[in-house]
ModelCIF file with pLDDT and N, C-alpha, C, O atoms, coordinates in Angstrom:
data_MODEL
#
_entry.id   MODEL 
#
_entity.id                         1 
_entity.type                       polymer 
_entity.pdbx_number_of_molecules   1 
#
_entity_poly.entity_id                      1 
_entity_poly.type                           'polypeptide(L)' 
_entity_poly.nstd_linkage                   no 
_entity_poly.nstd_monomer                   no 
_entity_poly.pdbx_seq_one_letter_code       PFTNYAMAWFRQAPGKEREFVATFSWSITTYYADSLKSRFTISRDN 
_entity_poly.pdbx_seq_one_letter_code_can   PFTNYAMAWFRQAPGKEREFVATFSWSITTYYADSLKSRFTISRDN 
_entity_poly.pdbx_strand_id                 A 
#
loop_
_entity_poly_seq.entity_id 
_entity_poly_seq.num 
_entity_poly_seq.mon_id 
_entity_poly_seq.hetero 
1 1  PRO n 
1 2  PHE n 
1 3  THR n 
1 4  ASN n 
1 5  TYR n 
1 6  ALA n 
1 7  MET n 
1 8  ALA n 
1 9  TRP n 
1 10 PHE n 
1 11 ARG n 
1 12 GLN n 
1 13 ALA n 
1 14 PRO n 
1 15 GLY n 
1 16 LYS n 
1 17 GLU n 
1 18 ARG n 
1 19 GLU n 
1 20 PHE n 
1 21 VAL n 
1 22 ALA n 
1 23 THR n 
1 24 PHE n 
1 25 SER n 
1 26 TRP n 
1 27 SER n 
1 28 ILE n 
1 29 THR n 
1 30 THR n 
1 31 TYR n 
1 32 TYR n 
1 33 ALA n 
1 34 ASP n 
1 35 SER n 
1 36 LEU n 
1 37 LYS n 
1 38 SER n 
1 39 ARG n 
1 40 PHE n 
1 41 THR n 
1 42 ILE n 
1 43 SER n 
1 44 ARG n 
1 45 ASP n 
1 46 ASN n 
#
_struct_asym.id          A 
_struct_asym.entity_id   1 
#
loop_
_ma_qa_metric.id 
_ma_qa_metric.mode 
_ma_qa_metric.name 
_ma_qa_metric.software_group_id 
_ma_qa_metric.type 
1 global pLDDT . pLDDT 
2 local  pLDDT . pLDDT 
#
_ma_qa_metric_global.metric_id      1 
_ma_qa_metric_global.metric_value   87.70 
_ma_qa_metric_global.model_id       1 
_ma_qa_metric_global.ordinal_id     1 
#
loop_
_ma_qa_metric_local.label_asym_id 
_ma_qa_metric_local.label_comp_id 
_ma_qa_metric_local.label_seq_id 
_ma_qa_metric_local.metric_id 
_ma_qa_metric_local.metric_value 
_ma_qa_metric_local.model_id 
_ma_qa_metric_local.ordinal_id 
A PRO 1  2 72.00 1 1  
A PHE 2  2 67.00 1 2  
A THR 3  2 71.00 1 3  
A ASN 4  2 75.00 1 4  
A TYR 5  2 79.00 1 5  
A ALA 6  2 87.00 1 6  
A MET 7  2 90.00 1 7  
A ALA 8  2 94.00 1 8  
A TRP 9  2 96.00 1 9  
A PHE 10 2 97.00 1 10 
A ARG 11 2 98.00 1 11 
A GLN 12 2 98.00 1 12 
A ALA 13 2 96.00 1 13 
A PRO 14 2 92.00 1 14 
A GLY 15 2 94.00 1 15 
A LYS 16 2 95.00 1 16 
A GLU 17 2 95.00 1 17 
A ARG 18 2 95.00 1 18 
A GLU 19 2 96.00 1 19 
A PHE 20 2 96.00 1 20 
A VAL 21 2 97.00 1 21 
A ALA 22 2 95.00 1 22 
A THR 23 2 92.00 1 23 
A PHE 24 2 86.00 1 24 
A SER 25 2 75.00 1 25 
A TRP 26 2 64.00 1 26 
A SER 27 2 60.00 1 27 
A ILE 28 2 58.00 1 28 
A THR 29 2 70.00 1 29 
A THR 30 2 86.00 1 30 
A TYR 31 2 89.00 1 31 
A TYR 32 2 93.00 1 32 
A ALA 33 2 94.00 1 33 
A ASP 34 2 93.00 1 34 
A SER 35 2 93.00 1 35 
A LEU 36 2 95.00 1 36 
A LYS 37 2 92.00 1 37 
A SER 38 2 95.00 1 38 
A ARG 39 2 97.00 1 39 
A PHE 40 2 97.00 1 40 
A THR 41 2 95.00 1 41 
A ILE 42 2 93.00 1 42 
A SER 43 2 91.00 1 43 
A ARG 44 2 85.00 1 44 
A ASP 45 2 86.00 1 45 
A ASN 46 2 80.00 1 46 
#
loop_
_atom_site.group_PDB 
_atom_site.id 
_atom_site.type_symbol 
_atom_site.label_atom_id 
_atom_site.label_alt_id 
_atom_site.label_comp_id 
_atom_site.label_asym_id 
_atom_site.label_entity_id 
_atom_site.label_seq_id 
_atom_site.pdbx_PDB_ins_code 
_atom_site.Cartn_x 
_atom_site.Cartn_y 
_atom_site.Cartn_z 
_atom_site.occupancy 
_atom_site.B_iso_or_equiv 
_atom_site.pdbx_formal_charge 
_atom_site.auth_seq_id 
_atom_site.auth_comp_id 
_atom_site.auth_asym_id 
_atom_site.auth_atom_id 
_atom_site.pdbx_PDB_model_num 
ATOM 1   N N  . PRO A 1 1  ? 9.973  -83.788 -130.960 1.00 72.00 ? 1  PRO A N  1 
ATOM 2   C CA . PRO A 1 1  ? 11.316 -83.860 -130.763 1.00 72.00 ? 1  PRO A CA 1 
ATOM 3   C C  . PRO A 1 1  ? 12.096 -82.742 -131.585 1.00 72.00 ? 1  PRO A C  1 
ATOM 4   O O  . PRO A 1 1  ? 11.973 -82.640 -132.805 1.00 72.00 ? 1  PRO A O  1 
ATOM 5   N N  . PHE A 1 2  ? 12.844 -81.977 -130.879 1.00 67.00 ? 2  PHE A N  1 
ATOM 6   C CA . PHE A 1 2  ? 13.576 -80.604 -131.188 1.00 67.00 ? 2  PHE A CA 1 
ATOM 7   C C  . PHE A 1 2  ? 14.048 -80.739 -132.760 1.00 67.00 ? 2  PHE A C  1 
ATOM 8   O O  . PHE A 1 2  ? 14.026 -79.830 -133.589 1.00 67.00 ? 2  PHE A O  1 
ATOM 9   N N  . THR A 1 3  ? 14.482 -82.102 -132.965 1.00 71.00 ? 3  THR A N  1 
ATOM 10  C CA . THR A 1 3  ? 15.453 -82.182 -134.393 1.00 71.00 ? 3  THR A CA 1 
ATOM 11  C C  . THR A 1 3  ? 14.395 -82.759 -135.554 1.00 71.00 ? 3  THR A C  1 
ATOM 12  O O  . THR A 1 3  ? 14.762 -83.137 -136.667 1.00 71.00 ? 3  THR A O  1 
ATOM 13  N N  . ASN A 1 4  ? 13.263 -82.754 -135.168 1.00 75.00 ? 4  ASN A N  1 
ATOM 14  C CA . ASN A 1 4  ? 12.278 -83.443 -136.143 1.00 75.00 ? 4  ASN A CA 1 
ATOM 15  C C  . ASN A 1 4  ? 11.756 -82.102 -137.053 1.00 75.00 ? 4  ASN A C  1 
ATOM 16  O O  . ASN A 1 4  ? 10.961 -82.360 -137.957 1.00 75.00 ? 4  ASN A O  1 
ATOM 17  N N  . TYR A 1 5  ? 12.096 -80.911 -136.894 1.00 79.00 ? 5  TYR A N  1 
ATOM 18  C CA . TYR A 1 5  ? 11.715 -79.774 -137.771 1.00 79.00 ? 5  TYR A CA 1 
ATOM 19  C C  . TYR A 1 5  ? 12.522 -78.671 -137.999 1.00 79.00 ? 5  TYR A C  1 
ATOM 20  O O  . TYR A 1 5  ? 13.341 -78.353 -137.137 1.00 79.00 ? 5  TYR A O  1 
ATOM 21  N N  . ALA A 1 6  ? 12.428 -78.094 -138.937 1.00 87.00 ? 6  ALA A N  1 
ATOM 22  C CA . ALA A 1 6  ? 13.104 -76.586 -139.213 1.00 87.00 ? 6  ALA A CA 1 
ATOM 23  C C  . ALA A 1 6  ? 12.463 -75.479 -138.399 1.00 87.00 ? 6  ALA A C  1 
ATOM 24  O O  . ALA A 1 6  ? 11.289 -75.394 -138.039 1.00 87.00 ? 6  ALA A O  1 
ATOM 25  N N  . MET A 1 7  ? 13.644 -74.509 -138.144 1.00 90.00 ? 7  MET A N  1 
ATOM 26  C CA . MET A 1 7  ? 12.984 -73.385 -137.629 1.00 90.00 ? 7  MET A CA 1 
ATOM 27  C C  . MET A 1 7  ? 13.769 -72.212 -138.328 1.00 90.00 ? 7  MET A C  1 
ATOM 28  O O  . MET A 1 7  ? 14.848 -72.274 -138.919 1.00 90.00 ? 7  MET A O  1 
ATOM 29  N N  . ALA A 1 8  ? 13.075 -71.292 -138.142 1.00 94.00 ? 8  ALA A N  1 
ATOM 30  C CA . ALA A 1 8  ? 13.425 -69.994 -139.043 1.00 94.00 ? 8  ALA A CA 1 
ATOM 31  C C  . ALA A 1 8  ? 12.761 -68.843 -138.361 1.00 94.00 ? 8  ALA A C  1 
ATOM 32  O O  . ALA A 1 8  ? 11.661 -68.994 -137.830 1.00 94.00 ? 8  ALA A O  1 
ATOM 33  N N  . TRP A 1 9  ? 13.599 -67.316 -138.356 1.00 96.00 ? 9  TRP A N  1 
ATOM 34  C CA . TRP A 1 9  ? 13.065 -66.191 -138.079 1.00 96.00 ? 9  TRP A CA 1 
ATOM 35  C C  . TRP A 1 9  ? 12.743 -65.447 -139.071 1.00 96.00 ? 9  TRP A C  1 
ATOM 36  O O  . TRP A 1 9  ? 13.348 -65.644 -140.125 1.00 96.00 ? 9  TRP A O  1 
ATOM 37  N N  . PHE A 1 10 ? 11.907 -64.594 -139.028 1.00 97.00 ? 10 PHE A N  1 
ATOM 38  C CA . PHE A 1 10 ? 11.170 -63.700 -139.942 1.00 97.00 ? 10 PHE A CA 1 
ATOM 39  C C  . PHE A 1 10 ? 10.821 -62.254 -139.151 1.00 97.00 ? 10 PHE A C  1 
ATOM 40  O O  . PHE A 1 10 ? 10.570 -62.228 -137.946 1.00 97.00 ? 10 PHE A O  1 
ATOM 41  N N  . ARG A 1 11 ? 10.841 -61.023 -140.026 1.00 98.00 ? 11 ARG A N  1 
ATOM 42  C CA . ARG A 1 11 ? 10.422 -60.040 -139.551 1.00 98.00 ? 11 ARG A CA 1 
ATOM 43  C C  . ARG A 1 11 ? 9.729  -59.224 -140.250 1.00 98.00 ? 11 ARG A C  1 
ATOM 44  O O  . ARG A 1 11 ? 9.739  -59.355 -141.474 1.00 98.00 ? 11 ARG A O  1 
ATOM 45  N N  . GLN A 1 12 ? 8.961  -58.184 -139.632 1.00 98.00 ? 12 GLN A N  1 
ATOM 46  C CA . GLN A 1 12 ? 8.166  -57.473 -140.370 1.00 98.00 ? 12 GLN A CA 1 
ATOM 47  C C  . GLN A 1 12 ? 7.768  -56.088 -139.857 1.00 98.00 ? 12 GLN A C  1 
ATOM 48  O O  . GLN A 1 12 ? 6.922  -56.064 -138.963 1.00 98.00 ? 12 GLN A O  1 
ATOM 49  N N  . ALA A 1 13 ? 8.275  -54.914 -140.311 1.00 96.00 ? 13 ALA A N  1 
ATOM 50  C CA . ALA A 1 13 ? 8.115  -53.427 -140.101 1.00 96.00 ? 13 ALA A CA 1 
ATOM 51  C C  . ALA A 1 13 ? 6.810  -53.082 -140.430 1.00 96.00 ? 13 ALA A C  1 
ATOM 52  O O  . ALA A 1 13 ? 6.278  -53.703 -141.351 1.00 96.00 ? 13 ALA A O  1 
ATOM 53  N N  . PRO A 1 14 ? 6.080  -52.051 -139.749 1.00 92.00 ? 14 PRO A N  1 
ATOM 54  C CA . PRO A 1 14 ? 4.935  -51.362 -140.171 1.00 92.00 ? 14 PRO A CA 1 
ATOM 55  C C  . PRO A 1 14 ? 4.867  -51.212 -141.428 1.00 92.00 ? 14 PRO A C  1 
ATOM 56  O O  . PRO A 1 14 ? 5.803  -50.698 -142.040 1.00 92.00 ? 14 PRO A O  1 
ATOM 57  N N  . GLY A 1 15 ? 3.652  -51.670 -142.093 1.00 94.00 ? 15 GLY A N  1 
ATOM 58  C CA . GLY A 1 15 ? 3.444  -50.918 -143.507 1.00 94.00 ? 15 GLY A CA 1 
ATOM 59  C C  . GLY A 1 15 ? 4.451  -52.028 -144.582 1.00 94.00 ? 15 GLY A C  1 
ATOM 60  O O  . GLY A 1 15 ? 4.276  -51.942 -145.798 1.00 94.00 ? 15 GLY A O  1 
ATOM 61  N N  . LYS A 1 16 ? 5.270  -52.829 -144.139 1.00 95.00 ? 16 LYS A N  1 
ATOM 62  C CA . LYS A 1 16 ? 6.079  -53.691 -145.163 1.00 95.00 ? 16 LYS A CA 1 
ATOM 63  C C  . LYS A 1 16 ? 5.615  -55.083 -145.106 1.00 95.00 ? 16 LYS A C  1 
ATOM 64  O O  . LYS A 1 16 ? 4.787  -55.421 -144.260 1.00 95.00 ? 16 LYS A O  1 
ATOM 65  N N  . GLU A 1 17 ? 6.212  -56.095 -146.150 1.00 95.00 ? 17 GLU A N  1 
ATOM 66  C CA . GLU A 1 17 ? 6.098  -57.105 -146.023 1.00 95.00 ? 17 GLU A CA 1 
ATOM 67  C C  . GLU A 1 17 ? 6.923  -58.011 -145.213 1.00 95.00 ? 17 GLU A C  1 
ATOM 68  O O  . GLU A 1 17 ? 8.074  -57.704 -144.903 1.00 95.00 ? 17 GLU A O  1 
ATOM 69  N N  . ARG A 1 18 ? 6.320  -59.231 -144.825 1.00 95.00 ? 18 ARG A N  1 
ATOM 70  C CA . ARG A 1 18 ? 7.108  -60.213 -144.050 1.00 95.00 ? 18 ARG A CA 1 
ATOM 71  C C  . ARG A 1 18 ? 8.257  -60.537 -144.680 1.00 95.00 ? 18 ARG A C  1 
ATOM 72  O O  . ARG A 1 18 ? 8.175  -60.863 -145.864 1.00 95.00 ? 18 ARG A O  1 
ATOM 73  N N  . GLU A 1 19 ? 9.487  -60.516 -144.058 1.00 96.00 ? 19 GLU A N  1 
ATOM 74  C CA . GLU A 1 19 ? 11.044 -60.628 -144.497 1.00 96.00 ? 19 GLU A CA 1 
ATOM 75  C C  . GLU A 1 19 ? 11.471 -61.882 -143.998 1.00 96.00 ? 19 GLU A C  1 
ATOM 76  O O  . GLU A 1 19 ? 11.125 -62.217 -142.866 1.00 96.00 ? 19 GLU A O  1 
ATOM 77  N N  . PHE A 1 20 ? 12.229 -62.673 -144.748 1.00 96.00 ? 20 PHE A N  1 
ATOM 78  C CA . PHE A 1 20 ? 12.991 -63.819 -144.104 1.00 96.00 ? 20 PHE A CA 1 
ATOM 79  C C  . PHE A 1 20 ? 14.245 -63.348 -143.760 1.00 96.00 ? 20 PHE A C  1 
ATOM 80  O O  . PHE A 1 20 ? 14.922 -62.684 -144.546 1.00 96.00 ? 20 PHE A O  1 
ATOM 81  N N  . VAL A 1 21 ? 14.733 -63.746 -142.245 1.00 97.00 ? 21 VAL A N  1 
ATOM 82  C CA . VAL A 1 21 ? 15.719 -63.374 -141.813 1.00 97.00 ? 21 VAL A CA 1 
ATOM 83  C C  . VAL A 1 21 ? 16.985 -64.601 -141.807 1.00 97.00 ? 21 VAL A C  1 
ATOM 84  O O  . VAL A 1 21 ? 18.112 -64.458 -142.283 1.00 97.00 ? 21 VAL A O  1 
ATOM 85  N N  . ALA A 1 22 ? 16.483 -65.724 -141.181 1.00 95.00 ? 22 ALA A N  1 
ATOM 86  C CA . ALA A 1 22 ? 17.620 -66.976 -141.175 1.00 95.00 ? 22 ALA A CA 1 
ATOM 87  C C  . ALA A 1 22 ? 16.784 -68.016 -140.842 1.00 95.00 ? 22 ALA A C  1 
ATOM 88  O O  . ALA A 1 22 ? 15.720 -67.853 -140.245 1.00 95.00 ? 22 ALA A O  1 
ATOM 89  N N  . THR A 1 23 ? 17.356 -69.416 -141.317 1.00 92.00 ? 23 THR A N  1 
ATOM 90  C CA . THR A 1 23 ? 16.650 -70.544 -140.824 1.00 92.00 ? 23 THR A CA 1 
ATOM 91  C C  . THR A 1 23 ? 17.648 -71.461 -140.662 1.00 92.00 ? 23 THR A C  1 
ATOM 92  O O  . THR A 1 23 ? 18.718 -71.426 -141.271 1.00 92.00 ? 23 THR A O  1 
ATOM 93  N N  . PHE A 1 24 ? 17.208 -72.582 -139.561 1.00 86.00 ? 24 PHE A N  1 
ATOM 94  C CA . PHE A 1 24 ? 18.028 -73.799 -139.321 1.00 86.00 ? 24 PHE A CA 1 
ATOM 95  C C  . PHE A 1 24 ? 17.516 -74.964 -139.427 1.00 86.00 ? 24 PHE A C  1 
ATOM 96  O O  . PHE A 1 24 ? 16.374 -75.163 -139.013 1.00 86.00 ? 24 PHE A O  1 
ATOM 97  N N  . SER A 1 25 ? 18.173 -75.840 -139.933 1.00 75.00 ? 25 SER A N  1 
ATOM 98  C CA . SER A 1 25 ? 17.639 -77.453 -140.042 1.00 75.00 ? 25 SER A CA 1 
ATOM 99  C C  . SER A 1 25 ? 18.691 -78.441 -139.963 1.00 75.00 ? 25 SER A C  1 
ATOM 100 O O  . SER A 1 25 ? 19.810 -78.047 -140.295 1.00 75.00 ? 25 SER A O  1 
ATOM 101 N N  . TRP A 1 26 ? 18.571 -79.607 -139.604 1.00 64.00 ? 26 TRP A N  1 
ATOM 102 C CA . TRP A 1 26 ? 19.557 -80.527 -139.615 1.00 64.00 ? 26 TRP A CA 1 
ATOM 103 C C  . TRP A 1 26 ? 20.139 -81.115 -140.932 1.00 64.00 ? 26 TRP A C  1 
ATOM 104 O O  . TRP A 1 26 ? 21.179 -81.769 -140.868 1.00 64.00 ? 26 TRP A O  1 
ATOM 105 N N  . SER A 1 27 ? 19.456 -80.894 -142.239 1.00 60.00 ? 27 SER A N  1 
ATOM 106 C CA . SER A 1 27 ? 19.885 -81.281 -143.480 1.00 60.00 ? 27 SER A CA 1 
ATOM 107 C C  . SER A 1 27 ? 20.790 -80.448 -143.901 1.00 60.00 ? 27 SER A C  1 
ATOM 108 O O  . SER A 1 27 ? 21.847 -80.940 -144.295 1.00 60.00 ? 27 SER A O  1 
ATOM 109 N N  . ILE A 1 28 ? 20.625 -79.004 -143.932 1.00 58.00 ? 28 ILE A N  1 
ATOM 110 C CA . ILE A 1 28 ? 21.423 -77.970 -144.454 1.00 58.00 ? 28 ILE A CA 1 
ATOM 111 C C  . ILE A 1 28 ? 21.952 -76.961 -143.657 1.00 58.00 ? 28 ILE A C  1 
ATOM 112 O O  . ILE A 1 28 ? 22.481 -75.954 -144.127 1.00 58.00 ? 28 ILE A O  1 
ATOM 113 N N  . THR A 1 29 ? 21.829 -77.196 -142.449 1.00 70.00 ? 29 THR A N  1 
ATOM 114 C CA . THR A 1 29 ? 22.274 -76.403 -141.185 1.00 70.00 ? 29 THR A CA 1 
ATOM 115 C C  . THR A 1 29 ? 21.392 -75.044 -141.366 1.00 70.00 ? 29 THR A C  1 
ATOM 116 O O  . THR A 1 29 ? 20.193 -74.922 -141.113 1.00 70.00 ? 29 THR A O  1 
ATOM 117 N N  . THR A 1 30 ? 22.336 -73.997 -141.897 1.00 86.00 ? 30 THR A N  1 
ATOM 118 C CA . THR A 1 30 ? 22.000 -72.731 -141.756 1.00 86.00 ? 30 THR A CA 1 
ATOM 119 C C  . THR A 1 30 ? 21.702 -72.079 -143.025 1.00 86.00 ? 30 THR A C  1 
ATOM 120 O O  . THR A 1 30 ? 22.074 -72.586 -144.083 1.00 86.00 ? 30 THR A O  1 
ATOM 121 N N  . TYR A 1 31 ? 21.027 -70.941 -142.981 1.00 89.00 ? 31 TYR A N  1 
ATOM 122 C CA . TYR A 1 31 ? 20.666 -70.101 -144.404 1.00 89.00 ? 31 TYR A CA 1 
ATOM 123 C C  . TYR A 1 31 ? 20.471 -68.808 -143.926 1.00 89.00 ? 31 TYR A C  1 
ATOM 124 O O  . TYR A 1 31 ? 19.867 -68.870 -142.855 1.00 89.00 ? 31 TYR A O  1 
ATOM 125 N N  . TYR A 1 32 ? 20.720 -67.658 -144.257 1.00 93.00 ? 32 TYR A N  1 
ATOM 126 C CA . TYR A 1 32 ? 20.612 -66.168 -144.087 1.00 93.00 ? 32 TYR A CA 1 
ATOM 127 C C  . TYR A 1 32 ? 20.357 -65.762 -145.139 1.00 93.00 ? 32 TYR A C  1 
ATOM 128 O O  . TYR A 1 32 ? 20.767 -66.382 -146.121 1.00 93.00 ? 32 TYR A O  1 
ATOM 129 N N  . ALA A 1 33 ? 19.458 -64.374 -145.316 1.00 94.00 ? 33 ALA A N  1 
ATOM 130 C CA . ALA A 1 33 ? 19.207 -63.555 -146.107 1.00 94.00 ? 33 ALA A CA 1 
ATOM 131 C C  . ALA A 1 33 ? 20.352 -62.569 -146.408 1.00 94.00 ? 33 ALA A C  1 
ATOM 132 O O  . ALA A 1 33 ? 20.848 -61.939 -145.474 1.00 94.00 ? 33 ALA A O  1 
ATOM 133 N N  . ASP A 1 34 ? 20.808 -62.401 -147.707 1.00 93.00 ? 34 ASP A N  1 
ATOM 134 C CA . ASP A 1 34 ? 22.012 -62.018 -148.108 1.00 93.00 ? 34 ASP A CA 1 
ATOM 135 C C  . ASP A 1 34 ? 22.562 -60.639 -147.480 1.00 93.00 ? 34 ASP A C  1 
ATOM 136 O O  . ASP A 1 34 ? 23.763 -60.398 -147.357 1.00 93.00 ? 34 ASP A O  1 
ATOM 137 N N  . SER A 1 35 ? 21.446 -59.702 -147.071 1.00 93.00 ? 35 SER A N  1 
ATOM 138 C CA . SER A 1 35 ? 21.411 -58.379 -146.790 1.00 93.00 ? 35 SER A CA 1 
ATOM 139 C C  . SER A 1 35 ? 21.901 -58.519 -145.081 1.00 93.00 ? 35 SER A C  1 
ATOM 140 O O  . SER A 1 35 ? 22.464 -57.590 -144.502 1.00 93.00 ? 35 SER A O  1 
ATOM 141 N N  . LEU A 1 36 ? 21.572 -59.856 -144.410 1.00 95.00 ? 36 LEU A N  1 
ATOM 142 C CA . LEU A 1 36 ? 21.942 -59.777 -142.939 1.00 95.00 ? 36 LEU A CA 1 
ATOM 143 C C  . LEU A 1 36 ? 22.975 -60.868 -142.517 1.00 95.00 ? 36 LEU A C  1 
ATOM 144 O O  . LEU A 1 36 ? 23.448 -60.764 -141.386 1.00 95.00 ? 36 LEU A O  1 
ATOM 145 N N  . LYS A 1 37 ? 23.363 -61.874 -143.286 1.00 92.00 ? 37 LYS A N  1 
ATOM 146 C CA . LYS A 1 37 ? 24.242 -62.724 -142.999 1.00 92.00 ? 37 LYS A CA 1 
ATOM 147 C C  . LYS A 1 37 ? 25.527 -62.376 -142.127 1.00 92.00 ? 37 LYS A C  1 
ATOM 148 O O  . LYS A 1 37 ? 26.009 -62.972 -141.164 1.00 92.00 ? 37 LYS A O  1 
ATOM 149 N N  . SER A 1 38 ? 25.901 -61.281 -142.744 1.00 95.00 ? 38 SER A N  1 
ATOM 150 C CA . SER A 1 38 ? 27.296 -60.737 -142.006 1.00 95.00 ? 38 SER A CA 1 
ATOM 151 C C  . SER A 1 38 ? 27.215 -60.093 -140.654 1.00 95.00 ? 38 SER A C  1 
ATOM 152 O O  . SER A 1 38 ? 28.177 -59.550 -140.111 1.00 95.00 ? 38 SER A O  1 
ATOM 153 N N  . ARG A 1 39 ? 25.884 -60.194 -140.086 1.00 97.00 ? 39 ARG A N  1 
ATOM 154 C CA . ARG A 1 39 ? 25.514 -59.458 -138.761 1.00 97.00 ? 39 ARG A CA 1 
ATOM 155 C C  . ARG A 1 39 ? 24.557 -60.027 -137.859 1.00 97.00 ? 39 ARG A C  1 
ATOM 156 O O  . ARG A 1 39 ? 24.384 -59.551 -136.737 1.00 97.00 ? 39 ARG A O  1 
ATOM 157 N N  . PHE A 1 40 ? 23.721 -61.342 -138.426 1.00 97.00 ? 40 PHE A N  1 
ATOM 158 C CA . PHE A 1 40 ? 22.841 -62.367 -137.649 1.00 97.00 ? 40 PHE A CA 1 
ATOM 159 C C  . PHE A 1 40 ? 23.504 -63.595 -137.814 1.00 97.00 ? 40 PHE A C  1 
ATOM 160 O O  . PHE A 1 40 ? 24.180 -63.945 -138.781 1.00 97.00 ? 40 PHE A O  1 
ATOM 161 N N  . THR A 1 41 ? 23.206 -64.328 -136.603 1.00 95.00 ? 41 THR A N  1 
ATOM 162 C CA . THR A 1 41 ? 23.472 -65.623 -136.473 1.00 95.00 ? 41 THR A CA 1 
ATOM 163 C C  . THR A 1 41 ? 22.317 -66.417 -135.743 1.00 95.00 ? 41 THR A C  1 
ATOM 164 O O  . THR A 1 41 ? 21.819 -66.032 -134.685 1.00 95.00 ? 41 THR A O  1 
ATOM 165 N N  . ILE A 1 42 ? 21.928 -67.607 -136.441 1.00 93.00 ? 42 ILE A N  1 
ATOM 166 C CA . ILE A 1 42 ? 20.928 -68.386 -135.818 1.00 93.00 ? 42 ILE A CA 1 
ATOM 167 C C  . ILE A 1 42 ? 21.777 -69.522 -135.308 1.00 93.00 ? 42 ILE A C  1 
ATOM 168 O O  . ILE A 1 42 ? 22.773 -69.964 -135.881 1.00 93.00 ? 42 ILE A O  1 
ATOM 169 N N  . SER A 1 43 ? 21.271 -69.950 -134.160 1.00 91.00 ? 43 SER A N  1 
ATOM 170 C CA . SER A 1 43 ? 22.045 -71.244 -133.371 1.00 91.00 ? 43 SER A CA 1 
ATOM 171 C C  . SER A 1 43 ? 21.060 -71.957 -132.537 1.00 91.00 ? 43 SER A C  1 
ATOM 172 O O  . SER A 1 43 ? 19.963 -71.401 -132.475 1.00 91.00 ? 43 SER A O  1 
ATOM 173 N N  . ARG A 1 44 ? 21.189 -73.005 -131.912 1.00 85.00 ? 44 ARG A N  1 
ATOM 174 C CA . ARG A 1 44 ? 20.251 -73.787 -131.148 1.00 85.00 ? 44 ARG A CA 1 
ATOM 175 C C  . ARG A 1 44 ? 20.990 -74.371 -129.842 1.00 85.00 ? 44 ARG A C  1 
ATOM 176 O O  . ARG A 1 44 ? 22.139 -74.811 -129.811 1.00 85.00 ? 44 ARG A O  1 
ATOM 177 N N  . ASP A 1 45 ? 20.048 -74.276 -128.732 1.00 86.00 ? 45 ASP A N  1 
ATOM 178 C CA . ASP A 1 45 ? 20.554 -74.926 -127.409 1.00 86.00 ? 45 ASP A CA 1 
ATOM 179 C C  . ASP A 1 45 ? 19.628 -76.064 -127.170 1.00 86.00 ? 45 ASP A C  1 
ATOM 180 O O  . ASP A 1 45 ? 18.461 -75.840 -126.850 1.00 86.00 ? 45 ASP A O  1 
ATOM 181 N N  . ASN A 1 46 ? 20.144 -77.430 -127.325 1.00 80.00 ? 46 ASN A N  1 
ATOM 182 C CA . ASN A 1 46 ? 19.252 -78.536 -127.343 1.00 80.00 ? 46 ASN A CA 1 
ATOM 183 C C  . ASN A 1 46 ? 18.792 -78.772 -125.778 1.00 80.00 ? 46 ASN A C  1 
ATOM 184 O O  . ASN A 1 46 ? 18.010 -79.679 -125.495 1.00 80.00 ? 46 ASN A O  1 
#
């Protein structure tokens, strides 16, 4: 069931480490990387 787990986005540029972008869960809703939160939004369509 869709509501039974957390979802997240990461990104990785060539030659760089994988970077956290944003996450969504039922317990704490959403959380963003500080440098991206003003421009990126995570959402869900059940």
